[in-house]
Protein backbone atom coordinates (compact mmCIF):
# COMPACT_ATOMS: atom_id res chain seq x y z
CA ALA A 1 0.00 0.00 0.00
CA LEU A 2 2.87 2.38 0.80
CA GLU A 3 4.49 1.72 -2.58
CA HIS A 4 1.16 2.49 -4.27
CA ALA A 5 0.88 5.78 -2.35
CA GLU A 6 4.43 6.73 -3.32
CA LEU A 7 3.67 5.99 -6.98
CA ASN A 8 0.54 8.15 -6.80
CA GLU A 9 2.55 11.00 -5.28
CA LYS A 10 5.17 10.65 -7.99
CA GLU A 11 2.48 10.75 -10.71
CA LEU A 12 0.91 13.83 -9.10
CA GLY A 13 4.30 15.51 -8.86
CA ILE A 14 4.08 15.97 -5.10
CA GLU A 15 7.79 15.37 -4.64
CA ASP A 16 8.67 17.87 -7.37
CA SER A 17 9.36 21.38 -6.07
CA ASN A 18 7.91 22.91 -9.25
CA SER A 19 4.50 21.49 -8.32
CA TRP A 20 4.64 23.33 -5.01
CA ILE A 21 5.84 26.54 -6.65
CA ASN A 22 2.95 26.34 -9.13
CA PHE A 23 0.51 25.68 -6.27
CA ARG A 24 1.82 28.71 -4.36
CA ASN A 25 1.48 30.88 -7.46
CA LYS A 26 -2.12 29.71 -7.99
CA VAL A 27 -3.22 30.42 -4.41
CA GLU A 28 -1.49 33.80 -4.37
CA LYS A 29 -3.26 34.74 -7.63
CA HIS A 30 -6.56 33.54 -6.16
CA ARG A 31 -6.03 35.69 -3.06
CA SER A 32 -5.18 38.70 -5.23
CA ASP A 33 -8.21 38.17 -7.50
CA LEU A 34 -10.61 37.85 -4.56
CA LYS A 35 -9.21 40.91 -2.79
CA ASP A 36 -9.43 42.90 -6.04
CA ILE A 37 -13.12 42.00 -6.42
CA LEU A 38 -13.86 43.09 -2.86
CA THR A 39 -11.86 46.32 -3.28
CA GLN A 40 -13.71 47.19 -6.49
CA PHE A 41 -17.09 46.77 -4.77
CA LYS A 42 -15.94 48.74 -1.70
CA ASN A 43 -14.60 51.54 -3.91
CA LYS A 44 -18.09 51.78 -5.47
CA GLY A 45 -19.56 52.24 -1.97
CA LYS A 46 -21.18 48.80 -1.90
CA LYS A 47 -22.12 47.20 1.42
CA ILE A 48 -20.56 43.73 1.59
CA VAL A 49 -21.49 40.97 4.00
CA ALA A 50 -20.36 37.36 4.00
CA TYR A 51 -22.44 34.22 4.48
CA GLY A 52 -21.11 31.25 6.48
CA ALA A 53 -18.78 31.33 9.49
CA SER A 54 -17.02 27.97 9.27
CA ALA A 55 -13.45 26.91 10.05
CA ARG A 56 -12.96 26.68 6.28
CA SER A 57 -14.12 30.27 5.86
CA SER A 58 -11.78 31.46 8.64
CA THR A 59 -8.87 29.89 6.77
CA LEU A 60 -9.86 31.71 3.58
CA LEU A 61 -10.42 35.05 5.34
CA ASN A 62 -7.12 34.88 7.20
CA PHE A 63 -5.06 33.73 4.21
CA CYS A 64 -6.58 36.44 2.02
CA GLN A 65 -6.26 39.02 4.82
CA ILE A 66 -9.94 39.95 4.51
CA SER A 67 -11.17 41.90 7.51
CA THR A 68 -13.79 44.44 8.55
CA GLU A 69 -12.20 46.83 6.04
CA SER A 70 -13.95 44.80 3.33
CA ILE A 71 -16.67 42.80 5.10
CA ASP A 72 -19.12 44.42 7.51
CA LEU A 73 -20.37 41.19 9.07
CA ILE A 74 -20.84 37.48 8.51
CA ILE A 75 -24.25 35.85 8.48
CA ASP A 76 -24.50 32.42 10.05
CA GLN A 77 -27.54 30.35 10.98
CA SER A 78 -25.89 28.81 14.04
CA ASP A 79 -27.06 30.31 17.35
CA PHE A 80 -23.71 29.25 18.84
CA LYS A 81 -21.75 31.54 16.49
CA GLN A 82 -24.04 34.58 16.48
CA GLY A 83 -22.74 37.42 18.65
CA LEU A 84 -19.15 36.18 18.31
CA PHE A 85 -16.32 37.25 16.00
CA THR A 86 -14.36 35.30 13.41
CA ALA A 87 -11.00 33.93 14.47
CA GLY A 88 -8.14 36.20 13.48
CA THR A 89 -10.17 38.65 11.38
CA LYS A 90 -12.58 39.70 14.14
CA ILE A 91 -15.55 40.14 11.80
CA PRO A 92 -18.84 40.10 13.77
CA ILE A 93 -21.14 37.11 13.21
CA LYS A 94 -24.87 37.87 13.08
CA SER A 95 -28.11 35.98 12.51
CA PRO A 96 -29.56 35.90 8.99
CA GLU A 97 -32.31 38.28 10.18
CA ASP A 98 -29.82 40.85 11.48
CA GLY A 99 -27.47 40.42 8.55
CA MET A 100 -30.12 40.82 5.88
CA GLN A 101 -31.64 43.85 7.67
CA SER A 102 -28.34 45.62 6.95
CA ASN A 103 -29.38 45.59 3.25
CA PRO A 104 -26.20 44.22 1.68
CA ASP A 105 -25.45 45.01 -1.95
CA VAL A 106 -22.94 42.16 -2.22
CA ILE A 107 -22.64 38.83 -0.42
CA LEU A 108 -19.39 36.87 -0.25
CA LEU A 109 -20.52 33.26 -0.07
CA LEU A 110 -18.19 31.58 2.41
CA ALA A 111 -20.45 28.50 2.57
CA TRP A 112 -19.84 27.78 -1.11
CA ASN A 113 -20.59 24.09 -0.57
CA PHE A 114 -24.24 25.09 0.14
CA LYS A 115 -24.45 27.52 -2.78
CA GLU A 116 -27.75 26.33 -4.28
CA GLU A 117 -29.69 26.25 -0.98
CA ILE A 118 -28.37 29.62 0.11
CA ILE A 119 -29.18 31.24 -3.24
CA GLU A 120 -32.71 29.84 -3.01
CA GLN A 121 -33.06 31.18 0.55
CA LEU A 122 -31.74 34.62 -0.43
CA LYS A 123 -34.30 34.81 -3.25
CA SER A 124 -37.36 33.30 -1.59
CA ARG A 125 -37.04 34.20 2.09
CA TRP A 126 -35.20 37.51 1.84
CA LYS A 127 -36.26 38.65 -1.65
CA TRP A 128 -32.64 39.74 -2.02
CA SER A 129 -31.09 40.80 -5.26
CA GLY A 130 -27.52 41.86 -5.71
CA GLU A 131 -24.16 40.37 -6.49
CA LEU A 132 -22.96 37.13 -4.98
CA ILE A 133 -19.23 36.41 -4.90
CA ILE A 134 -18.42 32.69 -5.06
CA PRO A 135 -14.77 32.39 -3.94
CA LEU A 136 -14.30 28.65 -4.46
CA PRO A 137 -13.99 26.10 -5.95
CA GLY A 138 -12.00 27.44 -8.84
CA ASP A 139 -11.47 31.11 -9.55
CA PRO A 140 -13.66 33.65 -7.77
CA GLU A 141 -16.81 34.42 -9.73
CA ILE A 142 -19.63 36.92 -9.42
CA LEU A 143 -23.27 35.94 -9.87
CA LYS A 144 -26.04 38.51 -10.27
CA ILE A 145 -29.16 37.54 -8.36
């Protein structure tokens, strides 16, 4: 089994330093692209909130150095997280009711793995329209809702 794993790593190029350099370049470009999108919206005076306060989202926010300068608050459905702040970035976490009452123009979807359900909820429950930033997987994209 170990030999098989080593062969897989060799095929994937994991032991090749160029693979790691390419990976670093990709994630740094991703960070830059996402920060540029947020900066462009902020420069237009748009109110930006995020949706989903998970450990995964904290990793993204911290790596990309996204803070309250870009994001006003994070919406999360968990009662346990509401009233707290994100690790490292100290962005306040609010209930969906409080977050949507702030009338965001743009939502950064940090719970990208629940994209379809959240989009449906934003449309049906909150009658929200605006721009939704999907940071992952792949390159950041903007959806108009």
